[in-house]
Amino acid sequence: MRILITGGAGFIGSHLTEACLHRGDEVYIIDDLSTGSMANLASLQSDPAVKDRLFVTVDSILNTEPILELIGTCDVVFHLAAAVGVRYILENPLESIQTNIQGTEKILRLCNKFKKRVLIASTSEVYGKHLHAPLVETDNIIYGPSSKFRWSYAAAKLMDEFTALAYHRTNGLPAIIARLFNTVGPRQTGTYGMVIPRFVSQALANQPISVYGDGKQTRTFTYVNDVVHALMALMDHPDAPGEVFNIGGTEEVSILTLAEKIKTQTHSGSPIEFIPYTRAFGKDFEDMQRRVPGIDKIRSLIGFEPVTGLERILESVIEDQKNNTMVPKTP
């Protein structure tokens, strides 16, 4: 099978690329490298078993010509390209909105032209400010005011979902939506606000571990390989198009407890430092206090279970950063 992965040089995209190549597929990637890196693909490009089936285009999904050719060539499309990370969104608000809305609409329009199955990677951010758990696909959406640019990412990704579902209902486009909950693993960087790699980087450098707010906000984390297997299974399932699925872990943990776990597992002497949100992100930020997915729907369809627990997730990130020749500096 010929597979197109937009954002394929990114964290999740590179793991998905690896899995598809090892399955025997041809993989075509387009990535503008704004948050992705060719280093994520280096081992694949030098592997004689797979390198001849990997094709990389460095370009923007906003440019029609390369996307038109790639979608026409490939059998299915995983659309992962997006502006991601709280810090990146707040620092690049207009570019983020354009990439996430205009880019996705272009992908969907061209997939519709060629009638190609497409999976849209969405986010748990779309749920907004709910405090209950678990969050299920039919929950209402609750956002803060438009003056809080933190919600622009959530609103843009929700618009992507509406557009994909409209193409499905109007034109029969086989579009699938996957809402990802805090995917973590090797190759992820803390540069754009991802909490686990940031904490690990700080702990390994014996720098203060920066907990934003009071640390009582809770999250679940999902290992990247578990997410990749779910994405591939959804793409292959005949009943997935036209539906929205949560993909996430079920082990809820507070951010303060997470910092303490990382400090313990790295044997770090780092103090834990509480940073007010306004100091970390400025006045445009507002946090989600709780984010726990309901996974009954995806479990029922493809038998999905998050098999990698939090301790092993942390071990993988710690090991990955230790194996680098230089521990990344804390942003």
Protein backbone atom coordinates (compact mmCIF):
# COMPACT_ATOMS: atom_id res chain seq x y z
CA MET A 1 0.00 0.00 0.00
CA ARG A 2 1.14 3.55 -0.74
CA ILE A 3 0.62 5.76 2.32
CA LEU A 4 0.88 9.54 2.61
CA ILE A 5 1.71 10.94 6.04
CA THR A 6 1.52 14.72 6.34
CA GLY A 7 3.79 15.82 9.16
CA GLY A 8 5.68 12.57 8.80
CA ALA A 9 8.94 14.00 10.13
CA GLY A 10 7.29 14.95 13.41
CA PHE A 11 7.17 13.00 16.64
CA ILE A 12 4.07 10.87 16.01
CA GLY A 13 4.49 10.99 12.24
CA SER A 14 7.97 9.47 12.32
CA HIS A 15 6.80 6.58 14.51
CA LEU A 16 3.85 5.99 12.19
CA THR A 17 6.22 6.09 9.21
CA GLU A 18 8.42 3.48 10.84
CA ALA A 19 5.50 1.15 11.58
CA CYS A 20 4.10 1.41 8.05
CA LEU A 21 7.50 0.76 6.47
CA HIS A 22 8.07 -2.29 8.65
CA ARG A 23 4.64 -3.56 7.60
CA GLY A 24 5.84 -3.41 3.99
CA ASP A 25 4.12 -0.24 2.79
CA GLU A 26 5.54 2.52 0.63
CA VAL A 27 5.48 5.74 2.68
CA TYR A 28 5.36 9.24 1.25
CA ILE A 29 5.93 12.15 3.64
CA ILE A 30 5.36 15.87 3.34
CA ASP A 31 6.63 18.08 6.17
CA ASP A 32 7.71 21.71 6.31
CA LEU A 33 9.98 20.93 9.31
CA SER A 34 8.48 23.77 11.37
CA THR A 35 8.17 21.40 14.32
CA GLY A 36 9.37 18.15 12.72
CA SER A 37 12.98 17.15 12.05
CA MET A 38 14.80 15.08 9.45
CA ALA A 39 16.73 13.60 12.36
CA ASN A 40 13.54 11.69 13.25
CA LEU A 41 13.81 9.87 9.90
CA ALA A 42 17.59 9.41 9.77
CA SER A 43 17.64 5.76 10.88
CA LEU A 44 14.96 4.87 8.32
CA GLN A 45 16.70 6.68 5.49
CA SER A 46 19.88 4.68 6.19
CA ASP A 47 18.15 1.31 6.69
CA PRO A 48 18.62 -0.81 3.54
CA ALA A 49 15.50 -2.81 4.35
CA VAL A 50 13.16 0.19 4.10
CA LYS A 51 14.92 3.23 2.64
CA ASP A 52 13.86 2.50 -0.95
CA ARG A 53 10.20 2.65 0.12
CA LEU A 54 10.46 6.02 1.89
CA PHE A 55 9.90 9.24 -0.07
CA VAL A 56 10.23 12.63 1.64
CA THR A 57 9.03 16.02 0.36
CA VAL A 58 10.02 19.09 2.37
CA ASP A 59 7.21 21.54 1.69
CA SER A 60 4.08 23.06 3.20
CA ILE A 61 0.67 21.43 2.99
CA LEU A 62 -0.59 24.88 2.03
CA ASN A 63 1.14 24.50 -1.36
CA THR A 64 -1.24 22.80 -3.77
CA GLU A 65 1.11 21.29 -6.36
CA PRO A 66 3.07 18.83 -4.16
CA ILE A 67 -0.01 17.84 -2.16
CA LEU A 68 -2.04 17.25 -5.34
CA GLU A 69 0.59 14.89 -6.72
CA LEU A 70 1.11 13.03 -3.44
CA ILE A 71 -2.58 12.45 -2.73
CA GLY A 72 -3.10 11.33 -6.32
CA THR A 73 -0.23 8.85 -5.95
CA CYS A 74 -1.12 7.34 -2.57
CA ASP A 75 -3.91 5.00 -1.49
CA VAL A 76 -4.64 6.50 1.93
CA VAL A 77 -3.71 9.67 3.83
CA PHE A 78 -2.81 10.15 7.49
CA HIS A 79 -3.12 13.88 8.11
CA LEU A 80 -0.90 14.69 11.08
CA ALA A 81 0.59 18.00 9.91
CA ALA A 82 -0.45 20.76 12.29
CA ALA A 83 0.83 23.56 14.44
CA VAL A 84 1.19 21.86 17.83
CA GLY A 85 2.19 22.62 21.41
CA VAL A 86 0.84 25.30 23.71
CA ARG A 87 3.95 27.46 23.50
CA TYR A 88 4.13 27.28 19.70
CA ILE A 89 0.43 28.16 19.36
CA LEU A 90 0.73 31.18 21.64
CA GLU A 91 3.88 32.43 19.90
CA ASN A 92 2.54 31.85 16.35
CA PRO A 93 -1.24 32.39 16.56
CA LEU A 94 -2.01 33.42 12.98
CA GLU A 95 0.29 30.87 11.34
CA SER A 96 -1.16 28.15 13.57
CA ILE A 97 -4.75 28.94 12.59
CA GLN A 98 -3.87 29.07 8.89
CA THR A 99 -2.02 25.75 9.00
CA ASN A 100 -4.64 23.95 11.03
CA ILE A 101 -7.74 25.19 9.18
CA GLN A 102 -6.62 26.01 5.63
CA GLY A 103 -4.16 23.13 5.47
CA THR A 104 -6.71 20.56 6.60
CA GLU A 105 -9.38 21.89 4.24
CA LYS A 106 -6.92 21.57 1.34
CA ILE A 107 -6.10 17.97 2.33
CA LEU A 108 -9.79 17.09 2.57
CA ARG A 109 -10.67 18.77 -0.72
CA LEU A 110 -7.97 16.88 -2.60
CA CYS A 111 -8.77 13.59 -0.87
CA ASN A 112 -12.37 14.13 -1.96
CA LYS A 113 -11.20 14.81 -5.54
CA PHE A 114 -9.43 11.43 -5.66
CA LYS A 115 -11.82 9.65 -3.22
CA LYS A 116 -8.96 8.67 -0.92
CA ARG A 117 -9.52 7.47 2.62
CA VAL A 118 -8.14 10.00 5.10
CA LEU A 119 -7.58 10.01 8.85
CA ILE A 120 -7.54 13.41 10.54
CA ALA A 121 -5.47 13.60 13.73
CA SER A 122 -7.42 15.80 16.13
CA THR A 123 -6.83 16.46 19.81
CA SER A 124 -8.31 16.15 23.27
CA GLU A 125 -8.04 19.95 23.40
CA VAL A 126 -11.34 20.14 21.51
CA TYR A 127 -13.23 19.20 24.69
CA GLY A 128 -12.27 22.49 26.31
CA LYS A 129 -12.88 23.24 29.98
CA HIS A 130 -14.74 20.16 31.18
CA LEU A 131 -13.95 18.96 34.71
CA HIS A 132 -15.68 15.57 34.56
CA ALA A 133 -14.14 12.29 33.49
CA PRO A 134 -14.08 10.39 31.32
CA LEU A 135 -14.54 12.62 28.29
CA VAL A 136 -16.56 10.89 25.58
CA GLU A 137 -16.93 11.67 21.90
CA THR A 138 -20.50 12.99 22.29
CA ASP A 139 -19.72 15.47 25.09
CA ASN A 140 -20.52 19.14 24.62
CA ILE A 141 -17.69 21.57 23.98
CA ILE A 142 -16.83 24.34 26.48
CA TYR A 143 -14.27 27.01 25.55
CA GLY A 144 -12.98 30.19 27.13
CA PRO A 145 -13.17 33.63 25.46
CA SER A 146 -11.50 34.38 22.13
CA SER A 147 -9.15 36.77 23.95
CA LYS A 148 -7.48 33.67 25.44
CA PHE A 149 -5.50 32.47 22.42
CA ARG A 150 -4.91 29.13 24.08
CA TRP A 151 -8.36 28.14 22.78
CA SER A 152 -7.57 29.03 19.16
CA TYR A 153 -5.89 25.64 18.70
CA ALA A 154 -8.90 23.77 20.12
CA ALA A 155 -11.35 25.76 17.99
CA ALA A 156 -9.27 25.26 14.83
CA LYS A 157 -9.03 21.51 15.36
CA LEU A 158 -12.78 21.33 16.03
CA MET A 159 -13.34 23.16 12.75
CA ASP A 160 -11.17 20.51 11.07
CA GLU A 161 -13.49 17.86 12.50
CA PHE A 162 -16.61 19.66 11.29
CA THR A 163 -15.10 19.99 7.81
CA ALA A 164 -14.11 16.31 7.63
CA LEU A 165 -17.57 15.18 8.77
CA ALA A 166 -19.20 17.55 6.26
CA TYR A 167 -17.17 16.02 3.42
CA HIS A 168 -18.19 12.57 4.63
CA ARG A 169 -21.90 13.37 4.92
CA THR A 170 -22.11 15.45 1.74
CA ASN A 171 -19.77 13.60 -0.61
CA GLY A 172 -19.22 10.23 1.03
CA LEU A 173 -15.52 10.92 1.67
CA PRO A 174 -14.17 8.09 3.88
CA ALA A 175 -12.82 10.40 6.60
CA ILE A 176 -11.91 9.26 10.12
CA ILE A 177 -11.23 11.51 13.12
CA ALA A 178 -8.91 10.50 15.97
CA ARG A 179 -8.72 12.67 19.09
CA LEU A 180 -5.30 12.10 20.65
CA PHE A 181 -4.72 12.50 24.39
CA ASN A 182 -1.16 13.51 25.38
CA THR A 183 0.92 11.17 23.26
CA VAL A 184 4.43 10.63 24.65
CA GLY A 185 7.57 8.69 23.77
CA PRO A 186 11.06 8.84 22.25
CA ARG A 187 11.83 11.71 19.83
CA GLN A 188 9.38 14.08 21.49
CA THR A 189 10.79 17.46 22.42
CA GLY A 190 9.75 19.74 25.26
CA THR A 191 10.48 22.80 23.12
CA TYR A 192 6.82 23.47 22.30
CA GLY A 193 5.39 22.87 25.77
CA MET A 194 5.16 19.05 25.99
CA VAL A 195 5.35 18.35 29.70
CA ILE A 196 7.05 14.95 30.07
CA PRO A 197 10.10 15.59 27.86
CA ARG A 198 10.44 19.04 29.45
CA PHE A 199 10.39 17.60 32.98
CA VAL A 200 12.83 14.82 32.04
CA SER A 201 15.22 17.31 30.42
CA GLN A 202 15.17 19.48 33.52
CA ALA A 203 15.61 16.52 35.89
CA LEU A 204 18.55 15.07 33.97
CA ALA A 205 20.26 18.47 33.99
CA ASN A 206 19.51 18.89 37.73
CA GLN A 207 17.66 22.08 36.94
CA PRO A 208 14.44 23.08 38.73
CA ILE A 209 11.45 21.11 37.44
CA SER A 210 8.97 23.79 36.40
CA VAL A 211 5.38 22.98 37.35
CA TYR A 212 2.94 25.51 35.95
CA GLY A 213 0.10 26.59 38.22
CA ASP A 214 -0.45 24.59 41.41
CA GLY A 215 0.25 21.19 39.82
CA LYS A 216 -3.17 19.83 40.72
CA GLN A 217 -4.31 19.67 37.07
CA THR A 218 -4.49 16.07 35.86
CA ARG A 219 -3.73 14.27 32.62
CA THR A 220 -3.43 10.79 31.17
CA PHE A 221 -0.54 9.89 28.86
CA THR A 222 -0.43 7.47 25.94
CA TYR A 223 2.67 5.76 24.59
CA VAL A 224 3.33 6.65 20.97
CA ASN A 225 3.47 3.02 19.77
CA ASP A 226 0.02 2.37 21.25
CA VAL A 227 -1.28 5.43 19.39
CA VAL A 228 0.32 4.35 16.11
CA HIS A 229 -1.23 0.88 16.30
CA ALA A 230 -4.63 2.48 16.93
CA LEU A 231 -4.28 4.87 13.99
CA MET A 232 -3.35 2.05 11.63
CA ALA A 233 -6.20 -0.16 12.85
CA LEU A 234 -8.73 2.66 12.41
CA MET A 235 -7.49 3.34 8.90
CA ASP A 236 -7.96 -0.33 8.01
CA HIS A 237 -11.41 -0.81 9.59
CA PRO A 238 -14.41 -0.55 7.23
CA ASP A 239 -16.68 0.95 9.90
CA ALA A 240 -14.36 3.77 11.01
CA PRO A 241 -15.17 6.44 8.36
CA GLY A 242 -17.56 9.15 9.47
CA GLU A 243 -16.76 8.58 13.14
CA VAL A 244 -14.80 10.32 15.91
CA PHE A 245 -12.62 8.26 18.26
CA ASN A 246 -10.70 9.07 21.43
CA ILE A 247 -7.22 7.52 21.64
CA GLY A 248 -5.70 7.83 25.08
CA GLY A 249 -4.48 6.29 28.29
CA THR A 250 -6.52 5.66 31.40
CA GLU A 251 -3.95 6.27 34.18
CA GLU A 252 -4.83 9.71 35.55
CA VAL A 253 -2.04 11.61 37.30
CA SER A 254 -1.58 15.15 38.59
CA ILE A 255 1.20 17.23 37.07
CA LEU A 256 2.83 17.61 40.50
CA THR A 257 2.83 13.82 41.01
CA LEU A 258 4.23 13.44 37.51
CA ALA A 259 7.13 15.78 38.38
CA GLU A 260 7.80 13.78 41.55
CA LYS A 261 7.78 10.48 39.63
CA ILE A 262 10.24 11.82 37.07
CA LYS A 263 12.49 13.18 39.80
CA THR A 264 12.51 9.73 41.44
CA GLN A 265 13.05 7.76 38.24
CA THR A 266 15.94 9.97 37.13
CA HIS A 267 17.51 10.03 40.64
CA SER A 268 17.61 13.78 40.24
CA GLY A 269 18.36 16.39 42.85
CA SER A 270 16.21 18.93 41.04
CA PRO A 271 13.87 21.01 43.18
CA ILE A 272 10.27 21.34 42.04
CA GLU A 273 9.45 24.96 41.22
CA PHE A 274 5.92 26.32 40.84
CA ILE A 275 5.58 28.86 38.01
CA PRO A 276 2.43 31.01 37.62
CA TYR A 277 0.71 30.57 34.27
CA THR A 278 1.05 34.27 33.51
CA ARG A 279 4.81 34.04 33.90
CA ALA A 280 5.07 30.90 31.78
CA PHE A 281 2.69 31.80 28.97
CA GLY A 282 1.47 35.36 29.42
CA LYS A 283 -2.08 36.61 29.76
CA ASP A 284 -3.48 34.62 26.80
CA PHE A 285 -3.28 31.24 28.54
CA GLU A 286 -5.98 29.28 30.33
CA ASP A 287 -5.46 25.66 31.37
CA MET A 288 -7.63 22.55 31.27
CA GLN A 289 -7.82 21.19 34.79
CA ARG A 290 -8.63 17.60 33.87
CA ARG A 291 -8.31 15.51 30.72
CA VAL A 292 -9.20 11.81 30.87
CA PRO A 293 -10.52 9.95 27.80
CA GLY A 294 -13.35 7.51 27.54
CA ILE A 295 -12.17 4.75 25.20
CA ASP A 296 -15.21 2.47 25.07
CA LYS A 297 -15.97 3.42 21.47
CA ILE A 298 -12.53 2.61 20.04
CA ARG A 299 -12.24 -0.43 22.29
CA SER A 300 -15.49 -1.76 20.86
CA LEU A 301 -14.44 -1.20 17.25
CA ILE A 302 -10.79 -2.31 17.15
CA GLY A 303 -10.12 -3.73 20.63
CA PHE A 304 -7.83 -0.83 21.55
CA GLU A 305 -6.20 -0.93 24.97
CA PRO A 306 -3.30 1.31 26.09
CA VAL A 307 -0.82 -1.42 27.00
CA THR A 308 2.10 0.79 28.07
CA GLY A 309 1.81 2.17 31.60
CA LEU A 310 3.07 5.52 32.84
CA GLU A 311 6.21 4.10 34.48
CA ARG A 312 7.34 2.48 31.23
CA ILE A 313 6.47 5.65 29.28
CA LEU A 314 8.71 7.66 31.58
CA GLU A 315 11.48 5.07 31.30
CA SER A 316 11.38 5.32 27.49
CA VAL A 317 11.66 9.12 27.49
CA ILE A 318 14.44 9.10 30.10
CA GLU A 319 16.35 6.46 28.17
CA ASP A 320 15.90 8.36 24.91
CA GLN A 321 17.23 11.60 26.36
CA LYS A 322 20.14 9.85 28.10
CA ASN A 323 21.11 8.19 24.81
CA ASN A 324 21.42 11.55 23.10
CA THR A 325 24.94 12.88 23.05
CA MET A 326 23.71 16.08 24.62
CA VAL A 327 20.74 16.53 26.97
CA PRO A 328 18.41 19.10 25.34
CA LYS A 329 18.50 22.47 27.05
CA THR A 330 15.33 23.50 28.79
CA PRO A 331 13.49 26.15 26.76
